[in-house]
PDB file of N, CA and C in Angstrom:
ATOM      1  N   UNK A   1       0.819  -1.199   0.000  1.00  0.00           N
ATOM      2  CA  UNK A   1       0.000   0.000   0.000  1.00  0.00           C
ATOM      3  C   UNK A   1       0.859   1.256   0.000  1.00  0.00           C
ATOM      4  N   UNK A   2       1.952   1.223   0.767  1.00  0.00           N
ATOM      5  CA  UNK A   2       2.809   2.406   0.824  1.00  0.00           C
ATOM      6  C   UNK A   2       3.505   2.647  -0.507  1.00  0.00           C
ATOM      7  N   UNK A   3       3.848   1.566  -1.210  1.00  0.00           N
ATOM      8  CA  UNK A   3       4.484   1.721  -2.517  1.00  0.00           C
ATOM      9  C   UNK A   3       3.525   2.355  -3.518  1.00  0.00           C
ATOM     10  N   UNK A   4       2.258   1.978  -3.442  1.00  0.00           N
ATOM     11  CA  UNK A   4       1.248   2.561  -4.331  1.00  0.00           C
ATOM     12  C   UNK A   4       1.099   4.056  -4.054  1.00  0.00           C
ATOM     13  N   UNK A   5       1.057   4.418  -2.784  1.00  0.00           N
ATOM     14  CA  UNK A   5       0.942   5.834  -2.416  1.00  0.00           C
ATOM     15  C   UNK A   5       2.166   6.609  -2.892  1.00  0.00           C
ATOM     16  N   UNK A   6       3.331   6.005  -2.746  1.00  0.00           N
ATOM     17  CA  UNK A   6       4.566   6.660  -3.184  1.00  0.00           C
ATOM     18  C   UNK A   6       4.555   6.882  -4.695  1.00  0.00           C
ATOM     19  N   UNK A   7       4.129   5.882  -5.432  1.00  0.00           N
ATOM     20  CA  UNK A   7       4.052   6.008  -6.895  1.00  0.00           C
ATOM     21  C   UNK A   7       3.060   7.084  -7.306  1.00  0.00           C
ATOM     22  N   UNK A   8       1.943   7.145  -6.621  1.00  0.00           N
ATOM     23  CA  UNK A   8       0.920   8.144  -6.936  1.00  0.00           C
ATOM     24  C   UNK A   8       1.431   9.554  -6.672  1.00  0.00           C
ATOM     25  N   UNK A   9       2.121   9.742  -5.559  1.00  0.00           N
ATOM     26  CA  UNK A   9       2.686  11.065  -5.264  1.00  0.00           C
ATOM     27  C   UNK A   9       3.736  11.457  -6.301  1.00  0.00           C
ATOM     28  N   UNK A  10       4.552  10.493  -6.691  1.00  0.00           N
ATOM     29  CA  UNK A  10       5.581  10.765  -7.691  1.00  0.00           C
ATOM     30  C   UNK A  10       4.946  11.144  -9.029  1.00  0.00           C
ATOM     31  N   UNK A  11       3.919  10.407  -9.432  1.00  0.00           N
ATOM     32  CA  UNK A  11       3.221  10.704 -10.676  1.00  0.00           C
ATOM     33  C   UNK A  11       2.545  12.076 -10.613  1.00  0.00           C
ATOM     34  N   UNK A  12       1.957  12.399  -9.473  1.00  0.00           N
ATOM     35  CA  UNK A  12       1.311  13.707  -9.296  1.00  0.00           C
ATOM     36  C   UNK A  12       2.324  14.832  -9.450  1.00  0.00           C
ATOM     37  N   UNK A  13       3.479  14.648  -8.845  1.00  0.00           N
ATOM     38  CA  UNK A  13       4.530  15.669  -8.942  1.00  0.00           C
ATOM     39  C   UNK A  13       4.979  15.839 -10.391  1.00  0.00           C
ATOM     40  N   UNK A  14       5.118  14.735 -11.125  1.00  0.00           N
ATOM     41  CA  UNK A  14       5.522  14.804 -12.527  1.00  0.00           C
ATOM     42  C   UNK A  14       4.476  15.533 -13.369  1.00  0.00           C
ATOM     43  N   UNK A  15       3.210  15.240 -13.111  1.00  0.00           N
ATOM     44  CA  UNK A  15       2.155  15.882 -13.891  1.00  0.00           C
ATOM     45  C   UNK A  15       2.076  17.375 -13.602  1.00  0.00           C
ATOM     46  N   UNK A  16       2.303  17.759 -12.371  1.00  0.00           N
ATOM     47  CA  UNK A  16       2.309  19.190 -12.050  1.00  0.00           C
ATOM     48  C   UNK A  16       3.477  19.877 -12.740  1.00  0.00           C
ATOM     49  N   UNK A  17       4.622  19.207 -12.766  1.00  0.00           N
ATOM     50  CA  UNK A  17       5.800  19.787 -13.414  1.00  0.00           C
ATOM     51  C   UNK A  17       5.627  19.897 -14.922  1.00  0.00           C
ATOM     52  N   UNK A  18       4.702  19.140 -15.489  1.00  0.00           N
ATOM     53  CA  UNK A  18       4.450  19.207 -16.933  1.00  0.00           C
ATOM     54  C   UNK A  18       3.570  20.394 -17.322  1.00  0.00           C
ATOM     55  N   UNK A  19       3.023  21.094 -16.357  1.00  0.00           N
ATOM     56  CA  UNK A  19       2.208  22.272 -16.657  1.00  0.00           C
ATOM     57  C   UNK A  19       3.143  23.398 -17.093  1.00  0.00           C
ATOM     58  N   UNK A  20       2.994  23.801 -18.316  1.00  0.00           N
ATOM     59  CA  UNK A  20       3.861  24.851 -18.877  1.00  0.00           C
ATOM     60  C   UNK A  20       3.108  26.176 -18.940  1.00  0.00           C
ATOM     61  N   UNK A  21       3.771  27.199 -18.519  1.00  0.00           N
ATOM     62  CA  UNK A  21       3.246  28.559 -18.566  1.00  0.00           C
ATOM     63  C   UNK A  21       1.853  28.701 -17.941  1.00  0.00           C
ATOM     64  N   UNK A  22       1.744  28.385 -16.656  1.00  0.00           N
ATOM     65  CA  UNK A  22       0.432  28.563 -16.000  1.00  0.00           C
ATOM     66  C   UNK A  22       0.107  30.048 -15.877  1.00  0.00           C
ATOM     67  N   UNK A  23      -1.175  30.382 -15.928  1.00  0.00           N
ATOM     68  CA  UNK A  23      -1.552  31.781 -15.767  1.00  0.00           C
ATOM     69  C   UNK A  23      -1.400  32.190 -14.300  1.00  0.00           C
ATOM     70  N   UNK A  24      -1.551  33.447 -14.050  1.00  0.00           N
ATOM     71  CA  UNK A  24      -1.320  33.990 -12.705  1.00  0.00           C
ATOM     72  C   UNK A  24      -2.271  33.412 -11.657  1.00  0.00           C
ATOM     73  N   UNK A  25      -3.466  33.052 -12.058  1.00  0.00           N
ATOM     74  CA  UNK A  25      -4.419  32.468 -11.117  1.00  0.00           C
ATOM     75  C   UNK A  25      -4.041  31.054 -10.725  1.00  0.00           C
ATOM     76  N   UNK A  26      -3.353  30.357 -11.610  1.00  0.00           N
ATOM     77  CA  UNK A  26      -2.980  28.970 -11.361  1.00  0.00           C
ATOM     78  C   UNK A  26      -1.711  28.834 -10.519  1.00  0.00           C
ATOM     79  N   UNK A  27      -0.825  29.816 -10.563  1.00  0.00           N
ATOM     80  CA  UNK A  27       0.459  29.713  -9.852  1.00  0.00           C
ATOM     81  C   UNK A  27       0.305  29.455  -8.355  1.00  0.00           C
ATOM     82  N   UNK A  28      -0.563  30.185  -7.637  1.00  0.00           N
ATOM     83  CA  UNK A  28      -0.699  29.896  -6.205  1.00  0.00           C
ATOM     84  C   UNK A  28      -1.315  28.518  -5.945  1.00  0.00           C
ATOM     85  N   UNK A  29      -2.202  28.088  -6.829  1.00  0.00           N
ATOM     86  CA  UNK A  29      -2.806  26.766  -6.675  1.00  0.00           C
ATOM     87  C   UNK A  29      -1.781  25.659  -6.889  1.00  0.00           C
ATOM     88  N   UNK A  30      -0.911  25.857  -7.866  1.00  0.00           N
ATOM     89  CA  UNK A  30       0.150  24.886  -8.124  1.00  0.00           C
ATOM     90  C   UNK A  30       1.109  24.834  -6.946  1.00  0.00           C
ATOM     91  N   UNK A  31       1.433  25.996  -6.401  1.00  0.00           N
ATOM     92  CA  UNK A  31       2.326  26.044  -5.245  1.00  0.00           C
ATOM     93  C   UNK A  31       1.690  25.322  -4.047  1.00  0.00           C
ATOM     94  N   UNK A  32       0.412  25.571  -3.826  1.00  0.00           N
ATOM     95  CA  UNK A  32      -0.306  24.926  -2.725  1.00  0.00           C
ATOM     96  C   UNK A  32      -0.336  23.407  -2.914  1.00  0.00           C
ATOM     97  N   UNK A  33      -0.565  22.966  -4.124  1.00  0.00           N
ATOM     98  CA  UNK A  33      -0.592  21.537  -4.416  1.00  0.00           C
ATOM     99  C   UNK A  33       0.788  20.908  -4.227  1.00  0.00           C
ATOM    100  N   UNK A  34       1.835  21.603  -4.654  1.00  0.00           N
ATOM    101  CA  UNK A  34       3.194  21.112  -4.434  1.00  0.00           C
ATOM    102  C   UNK A  34       3.499  20.985  -2.943  1.00  0.00           C
ATOM    103  N   UNK A  35       3.056  21.960  -2.164  1.00  0.00           N
ATOM    104  CA  UNK A  35       3.265  21.893  -0.713  1.00  0.00           C
ATOM    105  C   UNK A  35       2.524  20.706  -0.104  1.00  0.00           C
ATOM    106  N   UNK A  36       1.315  20.462  -0.569  1.00  0.00           N
ATOM    107  CA  UNK A  36       0.535  19.333  -0.063  1.00  0.00           C
ATOM    108  C   UNK A  36       1.211  18.006  -0.424  1.00  0.00           C
ATOM    109  N   UNK A  37       1.749  17.911  -1.620  1.00  0.00           N
ATOM    110  CA  UNK A  37       2.453  16.694  -2.036  1.00  0.00           C
ATOM    111  C   UNK A  37       3.712  16.504  -1.204  1.00  0.00           C
ATOM    112  N   UNK A  38       4.431  17.591  -0.939  1.00  0.00           N
ATOM    113  CA  UNK A  38       5.630  17.497  -0.109  1.00  0.00           C
ATOM    114  C   UNK A  38       5.286  17.035   1.306  1.00  0.00           C
ATOM    115  N   UNK A  39       4.239  17.587   1.876  1.00  0.00           N
ATOM    116  CA  UNK A  39       3.802  17.171   3.215  1.00  0.00           C
ATOM    117  C   UNK A  39       3.402  15.695   3.234  1.00  0.00           C
ATOM    118  N   UNK A  40       2.672  15.283   2.223  1.00  0.00           N
ATOM    119  CA  UNK A  40       2.252  13.883   2.145  1.00  0.00           C
ATOM    120  C   UNK A  40       3.467  12.962   1.985  1.00  0.00           C
ATOM    121  N   UNK A  41       4.462  13.402   1.235  1.00  0.00           N
ATOM    122  CA  UNK A  41       5.677  12.608   1.057  1.00  0.00           C
ATOM    123  C   UNK A  41       6.429  12.448   2.374  1.00  0.00           C
ATOM    124  N   UNK A  42       6.482  13.509   3.142  1.00  0.00           N
ATOM    125  CA  UNK A  42       7.147  13.450   4.447  1.00  0.00           C
ATOM    126  C   UNK A  42       6.426  12.458   5.356  1.00  0.00           C
ATOM    127  N   UNK A  43       5.109  12.555   5.419  1.00  0.00           N
ATOM    128  CA  UNK A  43       4.334  11.627   6.253  1.00  0.00           C
ATOM    129  C   UNK A  43       4.462  10.187   5.755  1.00  0.00           C
ATOM    130  N   UNK A  44       4.503  10.015   4.458  1.00  0.00           N
ATOM    131  CA  UNK A  44       4.659   8.676   3.886  1.00  0.00           C
ATOM    132  C   UNK A  44       6.013   8.085   4.272  1.00  0.00           C
ATOM    133  N   UNK A  45       7.057   8.893   4.221  1.00  0.00           N
ATOM    134  CA  UNK A  45       8.380   8.415   4.619  1.00  0.00           C
ATOM    135  C   UNK A  45       8.410   8.039   6.096  1.00  0.00           C
ATOM    136  N   UNK A  46       7.708   8.793   6.926  1.00  0.00           N
ATOM    137  CA  UNK A  46       7.617   8.450   8.349  1.00  0.00           C
ATOM    138  C   UNK A  46       6.916   7.106   8.529  1.00  0.00           C
ATOM    139  N   UNK A  47       5.858   6.891   7.756  1.00  0.00           N
ATOM    140  CA  UNK A  47       5.129   5.628   7.845  1.00  0.00           C
ATOM    141  C   UNK A  47       5.979   4.453   7.352  1.00  0.00           C
ATOM    142  N   UNK A  48       6.753   4.681   6.300  1.00  0.00           N
ATOM    143  CA  UNK A  48       7.652   3.634   5.804  1.00  0.00           C
ATOM    144  C   UNK A  48       8.692   3.270   6.856  1.00  0.00           C
ATOM    145  N   UNK A  49       9.245   4.289   7.516  1.00  0.00           N
ATOM    146  CA  UNK A  49      10.242   4.041   8.561  1.00  0.00           C
ATOM    147  C   UNK A  49       9.628   3.248   9.707  1.00  0.00           C
ATOM    148  N   UNK A  50       8.412   3.603  10.102  1.00  0.00           N
ATOM    149  CA  UNK A  50       7.744   2.866  11.177  1.00  0.00           C
ATOM    150  C   UNK A  50       7.478   1.431  10.751  1.00  0.00           C
ATOM    151  N   UNK A  51       7.037   1.222   9.532  1.00  0.00           N
ATOM    152  CA  UNK A  51       6.748  -0.123   9.057  1.00  0.00           C
ATOM    153  C   UNK A  51       8.019  -0.974   9.050  1.00  0.00           C
ATOM    154  N   UNK A  52       9.123  -0.390   8.595  1.00  0.00           N
ATOM    155  CA  UNK A  52      10.399  -1.113   8.613  1.00  0.00           C
ATOM    156  C   UNK A  52      10.779  -1.511  10.037  1.00  0.00           C
ATOM    157  N   UNK A  53      10.630  -0.573  10.958  1.00  0.00           N
ATOM    158  CA  UNK A  53      10.943  -0.853  12.356  1.00  0.00           C
ATOM    159  C   UNK A  53      10.015  -1.927  12.903  1.00  0.00           C
ATOM    160  N   UNK A  54       8.745  -1.849  12.547  1.00  0.00           N
ATOM    161  CA  UNK A  54       7.752  -2.826  13.006  1.00  0.00           C
ATOM    162  C   UNK A  54       8.114  -4.228  12.521  1.00  0.00           C
ATOM    163  N   UNK A  55       8.481  -4.334  11.269  1.00  0.00           N
ATOM    164  CA  UNK A  55       8.807  -5.639  10.695  1.00  0.00           C
ATOM    165  C   UNK A  55      10.081  -6.212  11.327  1.00  0.00           C
ATOM    166  N   UNK A  56      11.039  -5.356  11.628  1.00  0.00           N
ATOM    167  CA  UNK A  56      12.300  -5.815  12.216  1.00  0.00           C
ATOM    168  C   UNK A  56      12.168  -6.165  13.694  1.00  0.00           C
ATOM    169  N   UNK A  57      11.109  -5.705  14.334  1.00  0.00           N
ATOM    170  CA  UNK A  57      10.890  -5.961  15.759  1.00  0.00           C
ATOM    171  C   UNK A  57      10.248  -7.334  15.934  1.00  0.00           C
ATOM    172  N   UNK A  58      10.651  -8.033  16.963  1.00  0.00           N
ATOM    173  CA  UNK A  58      10.073  -9.333  17.253  1.00  0.00           C
ATOM    174  C   UNK A  58       8.588  -9.233  17.528  1.00  0.00           C
ATOM    175  N   UNK A  59       7.870 -10.316  17.264  1.00  0.00           N
ATOM    176  CA  UNK A  59       6.403 -10.314  17.383  1.00  0.00           C
ATOM    177  C   UNK A  59       5.936  -9.950  18.793  1.00  0.00           C
ATOM    178  N   UNK A  60       6.654 -10.391  19.796  1.00  0.00           N
ATOM    179  CA  UNK A  60       6.236 -10.123  21.167  1.00  0.00           C
ATOM    180  C   UNK A  60       6.417  -8.657  21.560  1.00  0.00           C
ATOM    181  N   UNK A  61       7.314  -7.968  20.893  1.00  0.00           N
ATOM    182  CA  UNK A  61       7.605  -6.572  21.248  1.00  0.00           C
ATOM    183  C   UNK A  61       6.893  -5.555  20.353  1.00  0.00           C
ATOM    184  N   UNK A  62       6.195  -5.999  19.369  1.00  0.00           N
ATOM    185  CA  UNK A  62       5.585  -5.072  18.404  1.00  0.00           C
ATOM    186  C   UNK A  62       4.551  -4.144  19.015  1.00  0.00           C
ATOM    187  N   UNK A  63       3.780  -4.635  19.980  1.00  0.00           N
ATOM    188  CA  UNK A  63       2.763  -3.777  20.593  1.00  0.00           C
ATOM    189  C   UNK A  63       3.380  -2.565  21.258  1.00  0.00           C
ATOM    190  N   UNK A  64       4.585  -2.729  21.793  1.00  0.00           N
ATOM    191  CA  UNK A  64       5.235  -1.622  22.486  1.00  0.00           C
ATOM    192  C   UNK A  64       5.583  -0.470  21.547  1.00  0.00           C
ATOM    193  N   UNK A  65       5.644  -0.717  20.242  1.00  0.00           N
ATOM    194  CA  UNK A  65       5.953   0.337  19.274  1.00  0.00           C
ATOM    195  C   UNK A  65       4.839   1.385  19.169  1.00  0.00           C
ATOM    196  N   UNK A  66       3.657   1.012  19.596  1.00  0.00           N
ATOM    197  CA  UNK A  66       2.521   1.925  19.497  1.00  0.00           C
ATOM    198  C   UNK A  66       2.395   2.852  20.687  1.00  0.00           C
ATOM    199  N   UNK A  67       3.253   2.677  21.680  1.00  0.00           N
ATOM    200  CA  UNK A  67       3.271   3.529  22.862  1.00  0.00           C
ATOM    201  C   UNK A  67       4.487   4.431  22.801  1.00  0.00           C
ATOM    202  N   UNK A  68       4.305   5.658  23.158  1.00  0.00           N
ATOM    203  CA  UNK A  68       5.447   6.584  23.127  1.00  0.00           C
ATOM    204  C   UNK A  68       6.021   6.747  24.500  1.00  0.00           C
TER     205      UNK A  68
END
């Protein structure tokens, strides 16, 4: 699931970058969308790191990962 989300974000970023000569009304919207994609990418990377840690942790200790 995380790989699918990563691919979708990457494709979204590519499609936004393909917009040539946006008008003045579109520039702030494109910037806002780029910021949203960047935020989602950061959160996705955090989730990937947690999943890696979860998988590497023994089954008996996995529940403890959900407590801070």
